[in-house]
Amino acid sequence: MTKFLPEESKAISTPVDPIVVGTVVGAFGIGGGIKVKSLTDSPGRFLVGNTLYLDGQLMRLEDAKWNSHGVVLKLDLVNDRTHAQSLNGAALTISATEVEPLAEGSYYHFEIIGIGIWTEDTEYLGKVKEILVTGSNDVYVVGSEKGKDILIPAVRSVVLEVDILQNRMVVRLPGELR
């Protein structure tokens, strides 16, 4: 998640694609448990009773145990190790309507990936193709039409405007980023 200012909550756009909140990385035990790499910042996403989509099928969460490698889940429709093993690499998703609103000036990565980038002088730079998560701030990797990627730090002094509905971001590039 990219954050600029923690202010009041904002409505988010709702993309058509489902939102990936975890990836199955293996089976756990003989009863159908799955090891999941969590891709969500929402602490309540894997609470017992919640629903998730696995390979497009809606499933209810029966149990969840966190460990140092992620979370082990038991889903109601996965009842044996063979089935759990067959799910390796599968995505756990939610509907875009289930995404929690963020504070004003904060954006989910799925909202930023693919957004067009313009300078304040209206020069088109390309689209965000990847986000690097660093310790202090995210860095947007912009695929330039000139062939060379541009790295843009997600900080308020560089990112001047984000318009999710118009799929547009305006930036002020310091000389060393050009």
N, C-alpha and C. Protein backbone atom coordinates (compact mmCIF):
# COMPACT_ATOMS: atom_id res chain seq x y z
N MET A 1 0.85 -1.16 0.00
CA MET A 1 0.00 0.00 0.00
C MET A 1 0.90 1.23 0.00
N THR A 2 0.55 2.20 -0.82
CA THR A 2 1.27 3.47 -0.87
C THR A 2 0.53 4.48 -0.03
N LYS A 3 1.24 5.17 0.87
CA LYS A 3 0.61 6.16 1.73
C LYS A 3 1.26 7.50 1.50
N PHE A 4 0.44 8.53 1.46
CA PHE A 4 0.96 9.89 1.42
C PHE A 4 0.55 10.63 2.69
N LEU A 5 -0.74 10.75 2.94
CA LEU A 5 -1.23 11.47 4.11
C LEU A 5 -2.29 10.65 4.82
N PRO A 6 -2.15 10.37 6.10
CA PRO A 6 -3.20 9.65 6.82
C PRO A 6 -4.29 10.62 7.27
N GLU A 7 -5.26 10.84 6.42
CA GLU A 7 -6.35 11.75 6.76
C GLU A 7 -7.65 10.99 6.81
N GLU A 8 -8.73 11.62 6.42
CA GLU A 8 -10.03 10.96 6.48
C GLU A 8 -10.17 9.92 5.38
N SER A 9 -11.15 9.04 5.55
CA SER A 9 -11.33 7.96 4.62
C SER A 9 -11.88 8.43 3.29
N LYS A 10 -11.54 7.70 2.23
CA LYS A 10 -12.01 8.05 0.89
C LYS A 10 -12.64 6.84 0.24
N ALA A 11 -13.52 7.09 -0.70
CA ALA A 11 -14.10 5.99 -1.46
C ALA A 11 -13.07 5.55 -2.48
N ILE A 12 -13.03 4.28 -2.78
CA ILE A 12 -12.06 3.79 -3.75
C ILE A 12 -12.79 3.40 -5.02
N SER A 13 -12.04 3.38 -6.11
CA SER A 13 -12.61 2.87 -7.35
C SER A 13 -12.69 1.36 -7.23
N THR A 14 -13.57 0.75 -7.98
CA THR A 14 -13.70 -0.70 -7.89
C THR A 14 -13.33 -1.33 -9.23
N PRO A 15 -12.15 -1.90 -9.32
CA PRO A 15 -11.74 -2.53 -10.56
C PRO A 15 -12.56 -3.79 -10.83
N VAL A 16 -12.54 -4.22 -12.07
CA VAL A 16 -13.31 -5.39 -12.47
C VAL A 16 -12.66 -6.67 -11.94
N ASP A 17 -11.35 -6.71 -11.95
CA ASP A 17 -10.64 -7.91 -11.54
C ASP A 17 -10.73 -8.14 -10.03
N PRO A 18 -10.72 -9.41 -9.62
CA PRO A 18 -10.67 -9.68 -8.17
C PRO A 18 -9.33 -9.24 -7.60
N ILE A 19 -9.30 -9.02 -6.30
CA ILE A 19 -8.10 -8.56 -5.62
C ILE A 19 -7.45 -9.75 -4.92
N VAL A 20 -6.18 -9.99 -5.22
CA VAL A 20 -5.44 -11.10 -4.63
C VAL A 20 -5.01 -10.71 -3.21
N VAL A 21 -5.38 -11.54 -2.23
CA VAL A 21 -5.01 -11.28 -0.83
C VAL A 21 -4.05 -12.34 -0.28
N GLY A 22 -3.78 -13.37 -1.06
CA GLY A 22 -2.85 -14.40 -0.63
C GLY A 22 -2.60 -15.40 -1.74
N THR A 23 -1.50 -16.13 -1.60
CA THR A 23 -1.14 -17.17 -2.56
C THR A 23 -0.87 -18.46 -1.82
N VAL A 24 -1.42 -19.56 -2.30
CA VAL A 24 -1.18 -20.87 -1.68
C VAL A 24 0.25 -21.29 -2.00
N VAL A 25 1.01 -21.63 -0.94
CA VAL A 25 2.40 -22.03 -1.12
C VAL A 25 2.65 -23.48 -0.70
N GLY A 26 1.59 -24.19 -0.28
CA GLY A 26 1.76 -25.58 0.06
C GLY A 26 0.61 -26.12 0.90
N ALA A 27 0.68 -27.43 1.13
CA ALA A 27 -0.31 -28.11 1.97
C ALA A 27 0.20 -28.16 3.39
N PHE A 28 -0.74 -28.31 4.35
CA PHE A 28 -0.36 -28.42 5.75
C PHE A 28 -1.21 -29.50 6.39
N GLY A 29 -0.57 -30.53 6.88
CA GLY A 29 -1.28 -31.62 7.55
C GLY A 29 -2.05 -32.50 6.57
N ILE A 30 -2.89 -33.37 7.11
CA ILE A 30 -3.63 -34.32 6.27
C ILE A 30 -5.09 -33.92 6.06
N GLY A 31 -5.56 -32.89 6.81
CA GLY A 31 -6.98 -32.54 6.78
C GLY A 31 -7.36 -31.45 5.80
N GLY A 32 -6.44 -31.06 4.89
CA GLY A 32 -6.80 -30.06 3.90
C GLY A 32 -6.33 -28.65 4.23
N GLY A 33 -5.44 -28.51 5.18
CA GLY A 33 -4.90 -27.19 5.49
C GLY A 33 -4.00 -26.70 4.36
N ILE A 34 -3.98 -25.39 4.15
CA ILE A 34 -3.10 -24.81 3.13
C ILE A 34 -2.24 -23.73 3.75
N LYS A 35 -0.97 -23.71 3.35
CA LYS A 35 -0.06 -22.65 3.76
C LYS A 35 -0.22 -21.51 2.77
N VAL A 36 -0.36 -20.29 3.28
CA VAL A 36 -0.65 -19.14 2.44
C VAL A 36 0.35 -18.02 2.71
N LYS A 37 0.86 -17.45 1.63
CA LYS A 37 1.65 -16.23 1.74
C LYS A 37 0.65 -15.08 1.68
N SER A 38 0.55 -14.33 2.77
CA SER A 38 -0.42 -13.23 2.85
C SER A 38 0.06 -12.04 2.02
N LEU A 39 -0.85 -11.48 1.24
CA LEU A 39 -0.56 -10.30 0.42
C LEU A 39 -1.49 -9.15 0.79
N THR A 40 -1.93 -9.14 2.03
CA THR A 40 -2.86 -8.11 2.49
C THR A 40 -2.33 -7.44 3.74
N ASP A 41 -2.63 -6.16 3.88
CA ASP A 41 -2.30 -5.43 5.10
C ASP A 41 -3.46 -5.43 6.08
N SER A 42 -4.59 -5.97 5.67
CA SER A 42 -5.79 -5.97 6.50
C SER A 42 -5.71 -7.09 7.54
N PRO A 43 -5.59 -6.76 8.82
CA PRO A 43 -5.41 -7.79 9.84
C PRO A 43 -6.61 -8.73 9.98
N GLY A 44 -7.78 -8.29 9.61
CA GLY A 44 -8.97 -9.12 9.75
C GLY A 44 -9.33 -9.94 8.53
N ARG A 45 -8.52 -9.89 7.50
CA ARG A 45 -8.85 -10.58 6.25
C ARG A 45 -9.00 -12.08 6.43
N PHE A 46 -8.20 -12.69 7.31
CA PHE A 46 -8.22 -14.14 7.49
C PHE A 46 -8.87 -14.56 8.81
N LEU A 47 -9.92 -13.86 9.21
CA LEU A 47 -10.65 -14.25 10.41
C LEU A 47 -11.60 -15.41 10.10
N VAL A 48 -11.74 -16.31 11.05
CA VAL A 48 -12.66 -17.44 10.89
C VAL A 48 -14.06 -16.92 10.58
N GLY A 49 -14.69 -17.53 9.59
CA GLY A 49 -16.03 -17.12 9.17
C GLY A 49 -16.03 -16.26 7.92
N ASN A 50 -14.89 -15.60 7.63
CA ASN A 50 -14.81 -14.80 6.41
C ASN A 50 -14.87 -15.70 5.18
N THR A 51 -15.19 -15.12 4.05
CA THR A 51 -15.20 -15.87 2.80
C THR A 51 -14.12 -15.32 1.87
N LEU A 52 -13.57 -16.24 1.08
CA LEU A 52 -12.55 -15.93 0.08
C LEU A 52 -12.86 -16.73 -1.17
N TYR A 53 -12.35 -16.28 -2.28
CA TYR A 53 -12.46 -17.06 -3.51
C TYR A 53 -11.14 -17.78 -3.76
N LEU A 54 -11.23 -19.04 -4.08
CA LEU A 54 -10.06 -19.85 -4.43
C LEU A 54 -10.38 -20.47 -5.78
N ASP A 55 -9.59 -20.12 -6.77
CA ASP A 55 -9.86 -20.56 -8.14
C ASP A 55 -11.29 -20.22 -8.56
N GLY A 56 -11.76 -19.06 -8.15
CA GLY A 56 -13.09 -18.60 -8.53
C GLY A 56 -14.24 -19.18 -7.73
N GLN A 57 -13.95 -20.08 -6.80
CA GLN A 57 -15.00 -20.71 -6.00
C GLN A 57 -15.03 -20.09 -4.61
N LEU A 58 -16.21 -19.69 -4.17
CA LEU A 58 -16.36 -19.08 -2.86
C LEU A 58 -16.20 -20.13 -1.77
N MET A 59 -15.33 -19.83 -0.79
CA MET A 59 -15.08 -20.75 0.32
C MET A 59 -15.10 -19.99 1.63
N ARG A 60 -15.54 -20.68 2.68
CA ARG A 60 -15.60 -20.09 4.02
C ARG A 60 -14.36 -20.52 4.80
N LEU A 61 -13.82 -19.59 5.55
CA LEU A 61 -12.63 -19.84 6.35
C LEU A 61 -13.04 -20.47 7.68
N GLU A 62 -12.57 -21.71 7.92
CA GLU A 62 -12.90 -22.45 9.14
C GLU A 62 -11.86 -22.29 10.24
N ASP A 63 -10.60 -22.04 9.86
CA ASP A 63 -9.54 -21.90 10.85
C ASP A 63 -8.38 -21.14 10.22
N ALA A 64 -7.64 -20.43 11.07
CA ALA A 64 -6.46 -19.69 10.62
C ALA A 64 -5.44 -19.63 11.75
N LYS A 65 -4.21 -19.96 11.42
CA LYS A 65 -3.12 -19.91 12.40
C LYS A 65 -1.93 -19.22 11.74
N TRP A 66 -1.47 -18.14 12.37
CA TRP A 66 -0.32 -17.39 11.84
C TRP A 66 0.97 -18.02 12.34
N ASN A 67 2.00 -18.01 11.48
CA ASN A 67 3.34 -18.41 11.88
C ASN A 67 4.34 -17.49 11.21
N SER A 68 5.61 -17.76 11.37
CA SER A 68 6.64 -16.86 10.83
C SER A 68 6.69 -16.86 9.30
N HIS A 69 6.08 -17.83 8.66
CA HIS A 69 6.11 -17.93 7.19
C HIS A 69 4.83 -17.43 6.53
N GLY A 70 3.84 -17.11 7.30
CA GLY A 70 2.56 -16.68 6.73
C GLY A 70 1.41 -17.16 7.59
N VAL A 71 0.41 -17.70 6.93
CA VAL A 71 -0.77 -18.17 7.65
C VAL A 71 -1.17 -19.54 7.11
N VAL A 72 -1.65 -20.40 8.00
CA VAL A 72 -2.18 -21.70 7.62
C VAL A 72 -3.69 -21.60 7.72
N LEU A 73 -4.37 -21.87 6.61
CA LEU A 73 -5.82 -21.75 6.57
C LEU A 73 -6.47 -23.11 6.37
N LYS A 74 -7.67 -23.24 6.91
CA LYS A 74 -8.53 -24.40 6.63
C LYS A 74 -9.79 -23.82 6.02
N LEU A 75 -10.03 -24.18 4.76
CA LEU A 75 -11.21 -23.72 4.04
C LEU A 75 -12.24 -24.83 3.99
N ASP A 76 -13.51 -24.48 4.01
CA ASP A 76 -14.57 -25.48 4.12
C ASP A 76 -14.63 -26.48 2.97
N LEU A 77 -14.16 -26.13 1.79
CA LEU A 77 -14.27 -27.04 0.65
C LEU A 77 -12.96 -27.74 0.28
N VAL A 78 -11.96 -27.61 1.14
CA VAL A 78 -10.68 -28.32 0.95
C VAL A 78 -10.53 -29.25 2.14
N ASN A 79 -10.74 -30.57 1.90
CA ASN A 79 -10.84 -31.50 3.03
C ASN A 79 -9.78 -32.59 3.11
N ASP A 80 -8.81 -32.58 2.19
CA ASP A 80 -7.74 -33.57 2.31
C ASP A 80 -6.44 -33.01 1.73
N ARG A 81 -5.34 -33.66 2.07
CA ARG A 81 -4.01 -33.20 1.67
C ARG A 81 -3.84 -33.19 0.15
N THR A 82 -4.39 -34.19 -0.53
CA THR A 82 -4.25 -34.25 -1.99
C THR A 82 -4.86 -33.02 -2.64
N HIS A 83 -6.06 -32.65 -2.21
CA HIS A 83 -6.70 -31.45 -2.74
C HIS A 83 -5.87 -30.21 -2.40
N ALA A 84 -5.40 -30.12 -1.16
CA ALA A 84 -4.60 -28.97 -0.73
C ALA A 84 -3.32 -28.86 -1.57
N GLN A 85 -2.66 -29.99 -1.83
CA GLN A 85 -1.43 -29.97 -2.64
C GLN A 85 -1.71 -29.51 -4.07
N SER A 86 -2.87 -29.85 -4.59
CA SER A 86 -3.21 -29.46 -5.97
C SER A 86 -3.43 -27.95 -6.11
N LEU A 87 -3.56 -27.26 -5.00
CA LEU A 87 -3.83 -25.81 -5.02
C LEU A 87 -2.56 -24.96 -4.97
N ASN A 88 -1.40 -25.59 -4.91
CA ASN A 88 -0.14 -24.85 -4.82
C ASN A 88 -0.05 -23.81 -5.95
N GLY A 89 0.20 -22.56 -5.58
CA GLY A 89 0.29 -21.48 -6.55
C GLY A 89 -1.02 -20.76 -6.82
N ALA A 90 -2.13 -21.29 -6.32
CA ALA A 90 -3.44 -20.68 -6.55
C ALA A 90 -3.56 -19.37 -5.76
N ALA A 91 -4.34 -18.46 -6.30
CA ALA A 91 -4.56 -17.17 -5.65
C ALA A 91 -5.83 -17.19 -4.82
N LEU A 92 -5.76 -16.62 -3.63
CA LEU A 92 -6.94 -16.36 -2.80
C LEU A 92 -7.34 -14.92 -3.10
N THR A 93 -8.59 -14.72 -3.47
CA THR A 93 -9.03 -13.39 -3.86
C THR A 93 -10.28 -12.97 -3.11
N ILE A 94 -10.55 -11.69 -3.20
CA ILE A 94 -11.79 -11.12 -2.71
C ILE A 94 -12.35 -10.25 -3.82
N SER A 95 -13.61 -9.94 -3.70
CA SER A 95 -14.25 -9.01 -4.63
C SER A 95 -13.74 -7.60 -4.34
N ALA A 96 -13.62 -6.78 -5.36
CA ALA A 96 -13.17 -5.40 -5.17
C ALA A 96 -14.08 -4.64 -4.22
N THR A 97 -15.33 -5.05 -4.11
CA THR A 97 -16.26 -4.36 -3.21
C THR A 97 -15.94 -4.64 -1.74
N GLU A 98 -15.11 -5.65 -1.46
CA GLU A 98 -14.75 -5.98 -0.08
C GLU A 98 -13.48 -5.28 0.40
N VAL A 99 -12.84 -4.52 -0.47
CA VAL A 99 -11.62 -3.83 -0.09
C VAL A 99 -11.96 -2.69 0.86
N GLU A 100 -11.20 -2.61 1.94
CA GLU A 100 -11.45 -1.57 2.94
C GLU A 100 -11.01 -0.22 2.41
N PRO A 101 -11.80 0.83 2.66
CA PRO A 101 -11.39 2.17 2.23
C PRO A 101 -10.11 2.59 2.94
N LEU A 102 -9.30 3.35 2.24
CA LEU A 102 -8.06 3.87 2.81
C LEU A 102 -8.22 5.34 3.15
N ALA A 103 -7.28 5.85 3.91
CA ALA A 103 -7.26 7.27 4.22
C ALA A 103 -7.03 8.07 2.93
N GLU A 104 -7.50 9.29 2.91
CA GLU A 104 -7.28 10.19 1.79
C GLU A 104 -5.77 10.27 1.52
N GLY A 105 -5.40 10.17 0.25
CA GLY A 105 -3.99 10.24 -0.11
C GLY A 105 -3.26 8.91 -0.02
N SER A 106 -3.97 7.83 0.30
CA SER A 106 -3.38 6.48 0.34
C SER A 106 -4.01 5.66 -0.76
N TYR A 107 -3.22 4.76 -1.35
CA TYR A 107 -3.70 3.98 -2.50
C TYR A 107 -3.22 2.55 -2.39
N TYR A 108 -4.07 1.63 -2.80
CA TYR A 108 -3.66 0.24 -2.91
C TYR A 108 -2.78 0.08 -4.14
N HIS A 109 -1.89 -0.89 -4.10
CA HIS A 109 -1.02 -1.13 -5.24
C HIS A 109 -1.82 -1.42 -6.51
N PHE A 110 -2.92 -2.16 -6.40
CA PHE A 110 -3.70 -2.46 -7.60
C PHE A 110 -4.28 -1.20 -8.23
N GLU A 111 -4.41 -0.13 -7.47
CA GLU A 111 -4.90 1.13 -8.03
C GLU A 111 -3.80 1.88 -8.78
N ILE A 112 -2.56 1.63 -8.43
CA ILE A 112 -1.43 2.35 -9.01
C ILE A 112 -0.82 1.61 -10.20
N ILE A 113 -0.77 0.28 -10.15
CA ILE A 113 -0.21 -0.49 -11.26
C ILE A 113 -1.02 -0.17 -12.53
N GLY A 114 -0.33 0.24 -13.58
CA GLY A 114 -0.98 0.54 -14.86
C GLY A 114 -1.40 1.99 -15.03
N ILE A 115 -1.25 2.80 -13.99
CA ILE A 115 -1.65 4.20 -14.09
C ILE A 115 -0.64 4.95 -14.97
N GLY A 116 -1.13 5.89 -15.78
CA GLY A 116 -0.28 6.71 -16.64
C GLY A 116 0.40 7.81 -15.84
N ILE A 117 1.66 8.08 -16.17
CA ILE A 117 2.45 9.07 -15.45
C ILE A 117 2.79 10.23 -16.38
N TRP A 118 2.48 11.45 -15.91
CA TRP A 118 2.82 12.66 -16.64
C TRP A 118 3.62 13.57 -15.72
N THR A 119 4.50 14.38 -16.32
CA THR A 119 5.19 15.40 -15.53
C THR A 119 4.27 16.59 -15.39
N GLU A 120 4.63 17.49 -14.50
CA GLU A 120 3.83 18.70 -14.35
C GLU A 120 3.86 19.56 -15.60
N ASP A 121 4.81 19.30 -16.50
CA ASP A 121 4.91 20.01 -17.78
C ASP A 121 4.17 19.26 -18.88
N THR A 122 3.33 18.29 -18.52
CA THR A 122 2.49 17.47 -19.41
C THR A 122 3.26 16.52 -20.32
N GLU A 123 4.49 16.16 -19.94
CA GLU A 123 5.24 15.16 -20.70
C GLU A 123 4.81 13.77 -20.21
N TYR A 124 4.41 12.91 -21.16
CA TYR A 124 4.01 11.56 -20.79
C TYR A 124 5.25 10.71 -20.59
N LEU A 125 5.35 10.04 -19.45
CA LEU A 125 6.52 9.23 -19.12
C LEU A 125 6.30 7.74 -19.34
N GLY A 126 5.07 7.26 -19.22
CA GLY A 126 4.78 5.84 -19.35
C GLY A 126 3.78 5.42 -18.28
N LYS A 127 3.74 4.11 -18.05
CA LYS A 127 2.81 3.55 -17.06
C LYS A 127 3.57 2.82 -15.97
N VAL A 128 2.99 2.84 -14.76
CA VAL A 128 3.59 2.11 -13.64
C VAL A 128 3.43 0.62 -13.93
N LYS A 129 4.55 -0.09 -14.00
CA LYS A 129 4.49 -1.52 -14.29
C LYS A 129 4.81 -2.38 -13.07
N GLU A 130 5.37 -1.74 -12.05
CA GLU A 130 5.76 -2.49 -10.85
C GLU A 130 5.93 -1.50 -9.71
N ILE A 131 5.76 -1.98 -8.49
CA ILE A 131 6.00 -1.15 -7.31
C ILE A 131 7.01 -1.87 -6.43
N LEU A 132 8.10 -1.18 -6.13
CA LEU A 132 9.12 -1.71 -5.23
C LEU A 132 8.79 -1.22 -3.82
N VAL A 133 8.70 -2.13 -2.88
CA VAL A 133 8.40 -1.77 -1.50
C VAL A 133 9.72 -1.68 -0.76
N THR A 134 10.03 -0.47 -0.29
CA THR A 134 11.28 -0.26 0.45
C THR A 134 10.92 0.02 1.91
N GLY A 135 11.89 0.21 2.72
CA GLY A 135 11.62 0.47 4.13
C GLY A 135 10.97 1.81 4.39
N SER A 136 11.28 2.82 3.58
CA SER A 136 10.76 4.15 3.87
C SER A 136 9.58 4.55 2.99
N ASN A 137 9.63 4.27 1.71
CA ASN A 137 8.53 4.61 0.81
C ASN A 137 8.55 3.67 -0.39
N ASP A 138 7.40 3.54 -1.02
CA ASP A 138 7.35 2.74 -2.24
C ASP A 138 8.07 3.48 -3.36
N VAL A 139 8.48 2.71 -4.38
CA VAL A 139 9.09 3.28 -5.58
C VAL A 139 8.35 2.72 -6.78
N TYR A 140 7.85 3.62 -7.64
CA TYR A 140 7.12 3.21 -8.82
C TYR A 140 8.10 2.98 -9.97
N VAL A 141 8.00 1.81 -10.60
CA VAL A 141 8.81 1.51 -11.78
C VAL A 141 7.94 1.83 -12.98
N VAL A 142 8.35 2.85 -13.73
CA VAL A 142 7.56 3.31 -14.87
C VAL A 142 8.21 2.81 -16.14
N GLY A 143 7.45 2.05 -16.93
CA GLY A 143 7.91 1.58 -18.23
C GLY A 143 7.84 2.72 -19.21
N SER A 144 8.98 3.23 -19.60
CA SER A 144 9.05 4.38 -20.49
C SER A 144 8.96 3.95 -21.94
N GLU A 145 8.35 4.80 -22.77
CA GLU A 145 8.28 4.52 -24.21
C GLU A 145 9.67 4.61 -24.83
N LYS A 146 10.62 5.23 -24.14
CA LYS A 146 11.99 5.34 -24.63
C LYS A 146 12.79 4.08 -24.32
N GLY A 147 12.17 3.12 -23.64
CA GLY A 147 12.82 1.85 -23.38
C GLY A 147 13.51 1.73 -22.04
N LYS A 148 13.83 2.83 -21.39
CA LYS A 148 14.52 2.80 -20.11
C LYS A 148 13.51 3.04 -19.00
N ASP A 149 13.47 2.16 -18.00
CA ASP A 149 12.56 2.33 -16.87
C ASP A 149 12.95 3.57 -16.07
N ILE A 150 11.94 4.22 -15.52
CA ILE A 150 12.14 5.37 -14.66
C ILE A 150 11.66 4.97 -13.27
N LEU A 151 12.47 5.24 -12.25
CA LEU A 151 12.11 4.96 -10.87
C LEU A 151 11.64 6.24 -10.21
N ILE A 152 10.40 6.21 -9.71
CA ILE A 152 9.80 7.40 -9.11
C ILE A 152 9.46 7.10 -7.65
N PRO A 153 10.08 7.83 -6.71
CA PRO A 153 9.75 7.60 -5.30
C PRO A 153 8.34 8.09 -5.01
N ALA A 154 7.59 7.30 -4.26
CA ALA A 154 6.21 7.65 -3.91
C ALA A 154 6.23 8.54 -2.68
N VAL A 155 6.66 9.78 -2.88
CA VAL A 155 6.70 10.76 -1.80
C VAL A 155 5.97 12.02 -2.28
N ARG A 156 5.42 12.74 -1.33
CA ARG A 156 4.57 13.91 -1.63
C ARG A 156 5.31 14.97 -2.46
N SER A 157 6.61 15.14 -2.25
CA SER A 157 7.35 16.16 -3.00
C SER A 157 7.52 15.81 -4.48
N VAL A 158 7.37 14.53 -4.82
CA VAL A 158 7.50 14.08 -6.21
C VAL A 158 6.14 13.81 -6.84
N VAL A 159 5.28 13.12 -6.13
CA VAL A 159 3.94 12.80 -6.64
C VAL A 159 3.00 13.96 -6.28
N LEU A 160 2.61 14.71 -7.29
CA LEU A 160 1.80 15.91 -7.06
C LEU A 160 0.31 15.63 -7.07
N GLU A 161 -0.10 14.67 -7.90
CA GLU A 161 -1.54 14.41 -8.05
C GLU A 161 -1.75 12.96 -8.46
N VAL A 162 -2.75 12.33 -7.89
CA VAL A 162 -3.16 10.99 -8.28
C VAL A 162 -4.65 11.04 -8.54
N ASP A 163 -5.04 10.67 -9.76
CA ASP A 163 -6.46 10.63 -10.12
C ASP A 163 -6.76 9.21 -10.59
N ILE A 164 -7.26 8.39 -9.67
CA ILE A 164 -7.53 6.99 -9.97
C ILE A 164 -8.59 6.86 -11.06
N LEU A 165 -9.63 7.67 -10.99
CA LEU A 165 -10.71 7.57 -11.97
C LEU A 165 -10.25 7.92 -13.38
N GLN A 166 -9.31 8.85 -13.50
CA GLN A 166 -8.78 9.24 -14.82
C GLN A 166 -7.54 8.42 -15.18
N ASN A 167 -7.11 7.52 -14.28
CA ASN A 167 -5.93 6.68 -14.49
C ASN A 167 -4.71 7.54 -14.82
N ARG A 168 -4.48 8.54 -13.95
CA ARG A 168 -3.45 9.55 -14.24
C ARG A 168 -2.75 9.98 -12.96
N MET A 169 -1.42 10.09 -13.05
CA MET A 169 -0.61 10.61 -11.95
C MET A 169 0.28 11.71 -12.52
N VAL A 170 0.41 12.81 -11.77
CA VAL A 170 1.27 13.91 -12.17
C VAL A 170 2.43 13.95 -11.18
N VAL A 171 3.66 14.04 -11.73
CA VAL A 171 4.86 14.02 -10.90
C VAL A 171 5.77 15.20 -11.22
N ARG A 172 6.58 15.56 -10.24
CA ARG A 172 7.64 16.55 -10.41
C ARG A 172 8.95 15.78 -10.26
N LEU A 173 9.65 15.61 -11.38
CA LEU A 173 10.87 14.83 -11.37
C LEU A 173 12.07 15.69 -11.03
N PRO A 174 12.78 15.37 -9.96
CA PRO A 174 14.04 16.06 -9.71
C PRO A 174 15.02 15.76 -10.86
N GLY A 175 15.96 16.64 -11.10
CA GLY A 175 16.89 16.49 -12.20
C GLY A 175 17.57 15.14 -12.28
N GLU A 176 17.93 14.55 -11.14
CA GLU A 176 18.64 13.26 -11.16
C GLU A 176 17.77 12.09 -11.60
N LEU A 177 16.44 12.28 -11.63
CA LEU A 177 15.55 11.20 -12.06
C LEU A 177 15.30 11.23 -13.56
N ARG A 178 15.69 12.26 -14.24
CA ARG A 178 15.47 12.39 -15.69
C ARG A 178 16.48 11.62 -16.48
